Amino acid sequence: MAVAFGLGIWVAMKRADRFGVGSKYAVDLSVMILIFSLVGARATYVVTHWSEFADHPLDAISPVQSSGQIGIAGLVLLGGVIAGFLTAWIYGRRHQVAFLTTTDVFVPSLALGIAIGRLGCFFNGCCFGYPSDLPWACVFPPDSLAGDVFPGLHVHPTQLYESAYMLLVFGGLLLADRRRKPLGMLTGIFLLLYGIGRFFVEMIRWYEGEMILIQSPRFTFSQLISAVMVVAGVVLMVRAKKRGVMPEAPVEPAPARRTER
């Protein structure tokens, strides 16, 4: 996560001046997003896994769990993404920067951050898929969550699927942004692509019962959020296309110098 945020901030800084917001704005907002996206990811996990905390509610925030475990485990990525967008909206209003300007700056960083963050999920043995006989399916160590749920079985490395896909999205966003786009178009493209990819990854990802909204056919909480992202992305893209690229302000010619004679 540290590498993901670090590289994401660096990419945002490189892009900020082009959008007229400045690298300081990008860094300051990145710090706010770092804090509140983690809060949002944790809060979403607690709400969707409340049975784990009903008897020990302080475990939701305590660095020392009731079981004696040191550290807080359990984050929901989509909760962090939503909290990050909300933080960008509030922070942008306070600094009089248009929300879509901010998001157009940051969505490539977000795609890169998700790609790197999912590698952490893979090494941690969480966010894994159902058993599979595909040649690239993985057996996780027995002390990981994946190894505990499916001991000795090969499972889909859904973390790597999402990581590879989001790297492609990251590259695609940078390529798309080589030519000036209408305000909000890049954000719409990100929401559309991420929502589609995440929706399909969810179909083979293992979940505990509380994250499953409908059992048959299975429909998860994350698929619901992904579907909303797809719709929002399409709406933003349509509106951006109608809006068109705003013309750049003409540069006033410098006044002619008077030469004293």
C-alpha atoms as a PDB file:
ATOM      1  CA  MET A   1       0.000   0.000   0.000  1.00  0.00           C
ATOM      2  CA  ALA A   2       2.907   2.343   0.746  1.00  0.00           C
ATOM      3  CA  VAL A   3       4.363   1.735  -2.723  1.00  0.00           C
ATOM      4  CA  ALA A   4       0.915   2.173  -4.296  1.00  0.00           C
ATOM      5  CA  PHE A   5       0.310   5.525  -2.619  1.00  0.00           C
ATOM      6  CA  GLY A   6       3.880   6.703  -3.238  1.00  0.00           C
ATOM      7  CA  LEU A   7       3.801   6.033  -6.980  1.00  0.00           C
ATOM      8  CA  GLY A   8       0.247   7.316  -7.231  1.00  0.00           C
ATOM      9  CA  ILE A   9       1.238  10.634  -5.658  1.00  0.00           C
ATOM     10  CA  TRP A  10       4.232  10.907  -7.990  1.00  0.00           C
ATOM     11  CA  VAL A  11       2.043  10.368 -11.073  1.00  0.00           C
ATOM     12  CA  ALA A  12      -0.502  12.921  -9.813  1.00  0.00           C
ATOM     13  CA  MET A  13       2.246  15.491  -9.241  1.00  0.00           C
ATOM     14  CA  LYS A  14       3.501  15.014 -12.803  1.00  0.00           C
ATOM     15  CA  ARG A  15      -0.007  15.596 -14.175  1.00  0.00           C
ATOM     16  CA  ALA A  16      -1.176  18.386 -11.868  1.00  0.00           C
ATOM     17  CA  ASP A  17       0.518  21.339 -13.572  1.00  0.00           C
ATOM     18  CA  ARG A  18      -0.963  20.360 -16.925  1.00  0.00           C
ATOM     19  CA  PHE A  19      -4.451  20.657 -15.435  1.00  0.00           C
ATOM     20  CA  GLY A  20      -3.644  23.965 -13.782  1.00  0.00           C
ATOM     21  CA  VAL A  21      -3.945  22.852 -10.154  1.00  0.00           C
ATOM     22  CA  GLY A  22      -0.265  22.661  -9.208  1.00  0.00           C
ATOM     23  CA  SER A  23       1.785  19.888  -7.661  1.00  0.00           C
ATOM     24  CA  LYS A  24       1.279  21.207  -4.096  1.00  0.00           C
ATOM     25  CA  TYR A  25      -2.471  20.786  -4.468  1.00  0.00           C
ATOM     26  CA  ALA A  26      -1.903  17.225  -5.711  1.00  0.00           C
ATOM     27  CA  VAL A  27       0.367  16.331  -2.787  1.00  0.00           C
ATOM     28  CA  ASP A  28      -1.872  17.885  -0.130  1.00  0.00           C
ATOM     29  CA  LEU A  29      -4.966  16.181  -1.520  1.00  0.00           C
ATOM     30  CA  SER A  30      -3.079  12.880  -1.810  1.00  0.00           C
ATOM     31  CA  VAL A  31      -2.343  12.957   1.917  1.00  0.00           C
ATOM     32  CA  MET A  32      -6.027  13.566   2.654  1.00  0.00           C
ATOM     33  CA  ILE A  33      -7.047  10.752   0.320  1.00  0.00           C
ATOM     34  CA  LEU A  34      -4.498   8.436   1.956  1.00  0.00           C
ATOM     35  CA  ILE A  35      -6.078   9.011   5.352  1.00  0.00           C
ATOM     36  CA  PHE A  36      -9.749   8.982   4.448  1.00  0.00           C
ATOM     37  CA  SER A  37      -9.614   6.175   1.887  1.00  0.00           C
ATOM     38  CA  LEU A  38      -8.199   3.910   4.590  1.00  0.00           C
ATOM     39  CA  VAL A  39     -10.959   5.045   6.947  1.00  0.00           C
ATOM     40  CA  GLY A  40     -13.558   4.388   4.254  1.00  0.00           C
ATOM     41  CA  ALA A  41     -12.112   0.975   3.394  1.00  0.00           C
ATOM     42  CA  ARG A  42     -12.108  -0.031   7.061  1.00  0.00           C
ATOM     43  CA  ALA A  43     -15.601   1.327   7.748  1.00  0.00           C
ATOM     44  CA  THR A  44     -17.010  -0.565   4.764  1.00  0.00           C
ATOM     45  CA  TYR A  45     -15.390  -3.785   5.966  1.00  0.00           C
ATOM     46  CA  VAL A  46     -16.807  -3.352   9.464  1.00  0.00           C
ATOM     47  CA  VAL A  47     -20.328  -2.658   8.175  1.00  0.00           C
ATOM     48  CA  THR A  48     -20.297  -5.623   5.781  1.00  0.00           C
ATOM     49  CA  HIS A  49     -18.727  -7.979   8.373  1.00  0.00           C
ATOM     50  CA  TRP A  50     -20.512  -6.775  11.477  1.00  0.00           C
ATOM     51  CA  SER A  51     -20.849 -10.283  12.931  1.00  0.00           C
ATOM     52  CA  GLU A  52     -17.074 -10.203  13.530  1.00  0.00           C
ATOM     53  CA  PHE A  53     -17.404  -7.072  15.666  1.00  0.00           C
ATOM     54  CA  ALA A  54     -20.817  -7.418  17.320  1.00  0.00           C
ATOM     55  CA  ASP A  55     -19.332  -8.870  20.529  1.00  0.00           C
ATOM     56  CA  HIS A  56     -16.159  -6.747  20.431  1.00  0.00           C
ATOM     57  CA  PRO A  57     -17.016  -3.445  18.685  1.00  0.00           C
ATOM     58  CA  LEU A  58     -13.745  -1.798  19.715  1.00  0.00           C
ATOM     59  CA  ASP A  59     -11.912  -4.248  17.456  1.00  0.00           C
ATOM     60  CA  ALA A  60     -13.115  -2.073  14.584  1.00  0.00           C
ATOM     61  CA  ILE A  61     -10.599   0.637  15.527  1.00  0.00           C
ATOM     62  CA  SER A  62      -8.303  -0.842  18.166  1.00  0.00           C
ATOM     63  CA  PRO A  63      -4.724  -1.696  17.088  1.00  0.00           C
ATOM     64  CA  VAL A  64      -4.784  -4.454  19.713  1.00  0.00           C
ATOM     65  CA  GLN A  65      -7.609  -6.858  18.947  1.00  0.00           C
ATOM     66  CA  SER A  66      -9.587  -8.748  21.587  1.00  0.00           C
ATOM     67  CA  SER A  67      -7.951 -11.959  20.319  1.00  0.00           C
ATOM     68  CA  GLY A  68      -4.530 -10.513  21.134  1.00  0.00           C
ATOM     69  CA  GLN A  69      -3.659  -9.897  17.497  1.00  0.00           C
ATOM     70  CA  ILE A  70      -1.622  -6.758  16.876  1.00  0.00           C
ATOM     71  CA  GLY A  71      -2.861  -4.620  13.990  1.00  0.00           C
ATOM     72  CA  ILE A  72      -6.126  -3.974  12.174  1.00  0.00           C
ATOM     73  CA  ALA A  73      -7.003  -6.480   9.444  1.00  0.00           C
ATOM     74  CA  GLY A  74      -9.843  -6.132   6.978  1.00  0.00           C
ATOM     75  CA  LEU A  75     -10.353  -3.478   4.289  1.00  0.00           C
ATOM     76  CA  VAL A  76     -12.799  -3.208   1.394  1.00  0.00           C
ATOM     77  CA  LEU A  77     -11.123  -1.577  -1.597  1.00  0.00           C
ATOM     78  CA  LEU A  78     -14.308  -0.152  -3.111  1.00  0.00           C
ATOM     79  CA  GLY A  79     -15.086   1.571   0.179  1.00  0.00           C
ATOM     80  CA  GLY A  80     -11.705   3.272  -0.033  1.00  0.00           C
ATOM     81  CA  VAL A  81     -12.306   4.303  -3.644  1.00  0.00           C
ATOM     82  CA  ILE A  82     -15.657   5.905  -2.761  1.00  0.00           C
ATOM     83  CA  ALA A  83     -14.124   7.675   0.244  1.00  0.00           C
ATOM     84  CA  GLY A  84     -11.307   8.934  -1.975  1.00  0.00           C
ATOM     85  CA  PHE A  85     -13.747  10.460  -4.473  1.00  0.00           C
ATOM     86  CA  LEU A  86     -15.725  12.054  -1.635  1.00  0.00           C
ATOM     87  CA  THR A  87     -12.527  13.503  -0.167  1.00  0.00           C
ATOM     88  CA  ALA A  88     -11.576  14.949  -3.563  1.00  0.00           C
ATOM     89  CA  TRP A  89     -15.011  16.586  -3.866  1.00  0.00           C
ATOM     90  CA  ILE A  90     -14.866  18.201  -0.404  1.00  0.00           C
ATOM     91  CA  TYR A  91     -11.240  19.271  -0.697  1.00  0.00           C
ATOM     92  CA  GLY A  92     -11.773  20.660  -4.195  1.00  0.00           C
ATOM     93  CA  ARG A  93     -14.746  22.765  -3.048  1.00  0.00           C
ATOM     94  CA  ARG A  94     -12.672  24.255  -0.266  1.00  0.00           C
ATOM     95  CA  HIS A  95      -9.927  25.206  -2.724  1.00  0.00           C
ATOM     96  CA  GLN A  96     -12.288  26.225  -5.555  1.00  0.00           C
ATOM     97  CA  VAL A  97     -11.095  23.486  -7.911  1.00  0.00           C
ATOM     98  CA  ALA A  98     -13.712  21.730 -10.060  1.00  0.00           C
ATOM     99  CA  PHE A  99     -14.385  18.182  -8.906  1.00  0.00           C
ATOM    100  CA  LEU A 100     -13.958  16.677 -12.377  1.00  0.00           C
ATOM    101  CA  THR A 101     -10.688  18.534 -12.862  1.00  0.00           C
ATOM    102  CA  THR A 102      -9.408  16.890  -9.693  1.00  0.00           C
ATOM    103  CA  THR A 103     -10.644  13.435 -10.635  1.00  0.00           C
ATOM    104  CA  ASP A 104      -9.235  13.680 -14.163  1.00  0.00           C
ATOM    105  CA  VAL A 105      -5.844  14.379 -12.589  1.00  0.00           C
ATOM    106  CA  PHE A 106      -6.051  11.502 -10.131  1.00  0.00           C
ATOM    107  CA  VAL A 107      -7.768   8.567 -11.881  1.00  0.00           C
ATOM    108  CA  PRO A 108      -4.557   7.250 -13.541  1.00  0.00           C
ATOM    109  CA  SER A 109      -2.937   7.286 -10.088  1.00  0.00           C
ATOM    110  CA  LEU A 110      -5.937   5.406  -8.707  1.00  0.00           C
ATOM    111  CA  ALA A 111      -5.684   2.730 -11.409  1.00  0.00           C
ATOM    112  CA  LEU A 112      -1.965   2.299 -10.735  1.00  0.00           C
ATOM    113  CA  GLY A 113      -2.536   2.201  -6.989  1.00  0.00           C
ATOM    114  CA  ILE A 114      -5.151  -0.544  -7.295  1.00  0.00           C
ATOM    115  CA  ALA A 115      -2.844  -2.572  -9.541  1.00  0.00           C
ATOM    116  CA  ILE A 116      -0.014  -2.407  -6.996  1.00  0.00           C
ATOM    117  CA  GLY A 117      -2.301  -2.840  -3.999  1.00  0.00           C
ATOM    118  CA  ARG A 118      -3.701  -6.088  -5.379  1.00  0.00           C
ATOM    119  CA  LEU A 119      -0.165  -7.498  -5.430  1.00  0.00           C
ATOM    120  CA  GLY A 120      -0.204  -6.935  -1.672  1.00  0.00           C
ATOM    121  CA  CYS A 121      -3.482  -8.858  -1.489  1.00  0.00           C
ATOM    122  CA  PHE A 122      -1.838 -11.739  -3.364  1.00  0.00           C
ATOM    123  CA  PHE A 123       1.141 -11.865  -0.993  1.00  0.00           C
ATOM    124  CA  ASN A 124      -1.235 -11.630   1.966  1.00  0.00           C
ATOM    125  CA  GLY A 125      -3.400 -14.504   0.704  1.00  0.00           C
ATOM    126  CA  CYS A 126      -6.663 -12.548   0.789  1.00  0.00           C
ATOM    127  CA  CYS A 127      -9.189 -11.558  -1.924  1.00  0.00           C
ATOM    128  CA  PHE A 128      -8.727 -14.935  -3.638  1.00  0.00           C
ATOM    129  CA  GLY A 129     -10.931 -16.912  -5.988  1.00  0.00           C
ATOM    130  CA  TYR A 130     -12.689 -20.264  -6.041  1.00  0.00           C
ATOM    131  CA  PRO A 131     -10.854 -23.545  -6.749  1.00  0.00           C
ATOM    132  CA  SER A 132      -9.655 -23.941 -10.330  1.00  0.00           C
ATOM    133  CA  ASP A 133      -7.690 -26.439 -12.429  1.00  0.00           C
ATOM    134  CA  LEU A 134      -6.236 -23.755 -14.708  1.00  0.00           C
ATOM    135  CA  PRO A 135      -2.443 -23.999 -15.078  1.00  0.00           C
ATOM    136  CA  TRP A 136      -1.869 -20.661 -13.321  1.00  0.00           C
ATOM    137  CA  ALA A 137      -4.110 -21.429 -10.330  1.00  0.00           C
ATOM    138  CA  CYS A 138      -2.289 -21.125  -6.990  1.00  0.00           C
ATOM    139  CA  VAL A 139      -2.049 -23.027  -3.735  1.00  0.00           C
ATOM    140  CA  PHE A 140      -1.715 -20.583  -0.838  1.00  0.00           C
ATOM    141  CA  PRO A 141       0.150 -21.300   2.424  1.00  0.00           C
ATOM    142  CA  PRO A 142      -1.970 -22.882   5.162  1.00  0.00           C
ATOM    143  CA  ASP A 143      -1.502 -19.890   7.493  1.00  0.00           C
ATOM    144  CA  SER A 144      -3.147 -17.533   4.976  1.00  0.00           C
ATOM    145  CA  LEU A 145      -6.887 -16.998   4.655  1.00  0.00           C
ATOM    146  CA  ALA A 146      -6.939 -18.633   1.215  1.00  0.00           C
ATOM    147  CA  GLY A 147      -4.991 -21.627   2.537  1.00  0.00           C
ATOM    148  CA  ASP A 148      -7.349 -21.926   5.500  1.00  0.00           C
ATOM    149  CA  VAL A 149     -10.538 -21.801   3.398  1.00  0.00           C
ATOM    150  CA  PHE A 150      -9.230 -24.045   0.588  1.00  0.00           C
ATOM    151  CA  PRO A 151      -6.365 -26.044   2.148  1.00  0.00           C
ATOM    152  CA  GLY A 152      -4.108 -27.597  -0.470  1.00  0.00           C
ATOM    153  CA  LEU A 153      -6.390 -26.603  -3.356  1.00  0.00           C
ATOM    154  CA  HIS A 154      -5.497 -24.560  -6.411  1.00  0.00           C
ATOM    155  CA  VAL A 155      -7.580 -21.382  -6.590  1.00  0.00           C
ATOM    156  CA  HIS A 156      -8.021 -18.501  -9.024  1.00  0.00           C
ATOM    157  CA  PRO A 157      -5.449 -15.750  -8.250  1.00  0.00           C
ATOM    158  CA  THR A 158      -8.130 -13.098  -8.641  1.00  0.00           C
ATOM    159  CA  GLN A 159      -5.757 -10.566  -7.097  1.00  0.00           C
ATOM    160  CA  LEU A 160      -3.404 -10.945 -10.063  1.00  0.00           C
ATOM    161  CA  TYR A 161      -6.273 -10.793 -12.548  1.00  0.00           C
ATOM    162  CA  GLU A 162      -7.326  -7.415 -11.175  1.00  0.00           C
ATOM    163  CA  SER A 163      -3.735  -6.212 -10.894  1.00  0.00           C
ATOM    164  CA  ALA A 164      -2.955  -6.995 -14.541  1.00  0.00           C
ATOM    165  CA  TYR A 165      -6.245  -5.515 -15.722  1.00  0.00           C
ATOM    166  CA  MET A 166      -5.717  -2.276 -13.804  1.00  0.00           C
ATOM    167  CA  LEU A 167      -2.207  -1.907 -15.200  1.00  0.00           C
ATOM    168  CA  LEU A 168      -3.803  -2.017 -18.658  1.00  0.00           C
ATOM    169  CA  VAL A 169      -6.375   0.553 -17.549  1.00  0.00           C
ATOM    170  CA  PHE A 170      -3.570   2.768 -16.219  1.00  0.00           C
ATOM    171  CA  GLY A 171      -1.721   2.596 -19.524  1.00  0.00           C
ATOM    172  CA  GLY A 172      -4.933   3.157 -21.461  1.00  0.00           C
ATOM    173  CA  LEU A 173      -5.795   6.263 -19.450  1.00  0.00           C
ATOM    174  CA  LEU A 174      -2.370   7.777 -20.084  1.00  0.00           C
ATOM    175  CA  LEU A 175      -2.637   7.028 -23.799  1.00  0.00           C
ATOM    176  CA  ALA A 176      -6.156   8.447 -23.976  1.00  0.00           C
ATOM    177  CA  ASP A 177      -4.999  11.593 -22.206  1.00  0.00           C
ATOM    178  CA  ARG A 178      -2.249  12.331 -24.719  1.00  0.00           C
ATOM    179  CA  ARG A 179      -4.859  14.314 -26.618  1.00  0.00           C
ATOM    180  CA  ARG A 180      -6.903  16.856 -24.718  1.00  0.00           C
ATOM    181  CA  LYS A 181     -10.227  15.457 -23.529  1.00  0.00           C
ATOM    182  CA  PRO A 182     -13.445  17.172 -22.407  1.00  0.00           C
ATOM    183  CA  LEU A 183     -13.697  17.705 -18.666  1.00  0.00           C
ATOM    184  CA  GLY A 184     -14.789  14.499 -16.936  1.00  0.00           C
ATOM    185  CA  MET A 185     -14.136  12.180 -19.889  1.00  0.00           C
ATOM    186  CA  LEU A 186     -11.104  10.546 -18.287  1.00  0.00           C
ATOM    187  CA  THR A 187     -12.986  10.019 -15.033  1.00  0.00           C
ATOM    188  CA  GLY A 188     -15.870   8.445 -16.945  1.00  0.00           C
ATOM    189  CA  ILE A 189     -13.527   6.096 -18.802  1.00  0.00           C
ATOM    190  CA  PHE A 190     -11.967   4.988 -15.510  1.00  0.00           C
ATOM    191  CA  LEU A 191     -15.313   4.337 -13.813  1.00  0.00           C
ATOM    192  CA  LEU A 192     -16.592   2.395 -16.824  1.00  0.00           C
ATOM    193  CA  LEU A 193     -13.495   0.211 -17.232  1.00  0.00           C
ATOM    194  CA  TYR A 194     -12.921  -0.427 -13.538  1.00  0.00           C
ATOM    195  CA  GLY A 195     -16.578  -1.195 -12.920  1.00  0.00           C
ATOM    196  CA  ILE A 196     -16.710  -3.720 -15.778  1.00  0.00           C
ATOM    197  CA  GLY A 197     -13.477  -5.440 -14.788  1.00  0.00           C
ATOM    198  CA  ARG A 198     -14.338  -5.619 -11.113  1.00  0.00           C
ATOM    199  CA  PHE A 199     -17.850  -6.925 -11.824  1.00  0.00           C
ATOM    200  CA  PHE A 200     -16.495  -9.920 -13.753  1.00  0.00           C
ATOM    201  CA  VAL A 201     -13.663 -10.655 -11.308  1.00  0.00           C
ATOM    202  CA  GLU A 202     -16.303 -10.853  -8.577  1.00  0.00           C
ATOM    203  CA  MET A 203     -17.936 -13.768 -10.377  1.00  0.00           C
ATOM    204  CA  ILE A 204     -15.027 -16.081  -9.510  1.00  0.00           C
ATOM    205  CA  ARG A 205     -13.921 -14.500  -6.238  1.00  0.00           C
ATOM    206  CA  TRP A 206     -14.648 -16.215  -2.927  1.00  0.00           C
ATOM    207  CA  TYR A 207     -16.673 -14.272  -0.390  1.00  0.00           C
ATOM    208  CA  GLU A 208     -18.066 -14.746   3.059  1.00  0.00           C
ATOM    209  CA  GLY A 209     -21.841 -14.701   3.363  1.00  0.00           C
ATOM    210  CA  GLU A 210     -22.258 -11.089   4.497  1.00  0.00           C
ATOM    211  CA  MET A 211     -20.812  -9.701   1.241  1.00  0.00           C
ATOM    212  CA  ILE A 212     -23.282 -11.719  -0.851  1.00  0.00           C
ATOM    213  CA  LEU A 213     -26.530  -9.825  -1.378  1.00  0.00           C
ATOM    214  CA  ILE A 214     -28.292 -12.517  -3.461  1.00  0.00           C
ATOM    215  CA  GLN A 215     -27.369 -16.185  -3.266  1.00  0.00           C
ATOM    216  CA  SER A 216     -28.784 -17.440  -6.566  1.00  0.00           C
ATOM    217  CA  PRO A 217     -27.725 -16.151  -8.972  1.00  0.00           C
ATOM    218  CA  ARG A 218     -24.928 -14.853  -6.771  1.00  0.00           C
ATOM    219  CA  PHE A 219     -24.731 -11.073  -6.587  1.00  0.00           C
ATOM    220  CA  THR A 220     -22.286  -9.378  -4.236  1.00  0.00           C
ATOM    221  CA  PHE A 221     -22.064  -5.998  -2.567  1.00  0.00           C
ATOM    222  CA  SER A 222     -19.011  -5.206  -4.691  1.00  0.00           C
ATOM    223  CA  GLN A 223     -20.886  -6.069  -7.892  1.00  0.00           C
ATOM    224  CA  LEU A 224     -23.591  -3.610  -6.886  1.00  0.00           C
ATOM    225  CA  ILE A 225     -21.013  -0.834  -6.431  1.00  0.00           C
ATOM    226  CA  SER A 226     -19.325  -1.861  -9.700  1.00  0.00           C
ATOM    227  CA  ALA A 227     -22.619  -1.618 -11.581  1.00  0.00           C
ATOM    228  CA  VAL A 228     -23.199   1.869 -10.160  1.00  0.00           C
ATOM    229  CA  MET A 229     -19.680   2.835 -11.315  1.00  0.00           C
ATOM    230  CA  VAL A 230     -20.404   1.628 -14.843  1.00  0.00           C
ATOM    231  CA  VAL A 231     -23.606   3.684 -15.030  1.00  0.00           C
ATOM    232  CA  ALA A 232     -21.865   6.753 -13.585  1.00  0.00           C
ATOM    233  CA  GLY A 233     -19.004   6.322 -16.045  1.00  0.00           C
ATOM    234  CA  VAL A 234     -21.329   6.173 -19.048  1.00  0.00           C
ATOM    235  CA  VAL A 235     -23.237   9.256 -17.852  1.00  0.00           C
ATOM    236  CA  LEU A 236     -19.997  11.213 -17.377  1.00  0.00           C
ATOM    237  CA  MET A 237     -18.699  10.218 -20.806  1.00  0.00           C
ATOM    238  CA  VAL A 238     -21.943  11.206 -22.551  1.00  0.00           C
ATOM    239  CA  ARG A 239     -22.053  14.547 -20.734  1.00  0.00           C
ATOM    240  CA  ALA A 240     -18.372  15.194 -21.436  1.00  0.00           C
ATOM    241  CA  LYS A 241     -18.864  14.488 -25.145  1.00  0.00           C
ATOM    242  CA  LYS A 242     -21.780  16.906 -25.298  1.00  0.00           C
ATOM    243  CA  ARG A 243     -19.748  19.502 -23.417  1.00  0.00           C
ATOM    244  CA  GLY A 244     -16.785  19.171 -25.761  1.00  0.00           C
ATOM    245  CA  VAL A 245     -13.251  20.361 -25.214  1.00  0.00           C
ATOM    246  CA  MET A 246     -13.180  23.832 -23.728  1.00  0.00           C
ATOM    247  CA  PRO A 247     -11.158  26.184 -25.911  1.00  0.00           C
ATOM    248  CA  GLU A 248      -7.932  27.411 -24.423  1.00  0.00           C
ATOM    249  CA  ALA A 249      -7.843  31.038 -23.433  1.00  0.00           C
ATOM    250  CA  PRO A 250      -6.112  33.129 -26.091  1.00  0.00           C
ATOM    251  CA  VAL A 251      -2.718  34.438 -25.192  1.00  0.00           C
ATOM    252  CA  GLU A 252      -2.634  38.220 -25.169  1.00  0.00           C
ATOM    253  CA  PRO A 253       0.234  39.596 -27.243  1.00  0.00           C
ATOM    254  CA  ALA A 254       2.881  41.396 -25.269  1.00  0.00           C
ATOM    255  CA  PRO A 255       2.769  45.178 -25.647  1.00  0.00           C
ATOM    256  CA  ALA A 256       5.367  46.576 -28.027  1.00  0.00           C
ATOM    257  CA  ARG A 257       8.366  48.137 -26.384  1.00  0.00           C
ATOM    258  CA  ARG A 258       8.883  51.820 -26.829  1.00  0.00           C
ATOM    259  CA  THR A 259      12.404  52.733 -27.752  1.00  0.00           C
ATOM    260  CA  GLU A 260      13.701  55.990 -26.428  1.00  0.00           C
ATOM    261  CA  ARG A 261      15.495  58.061 -29.007  1.00  0.00           C
END
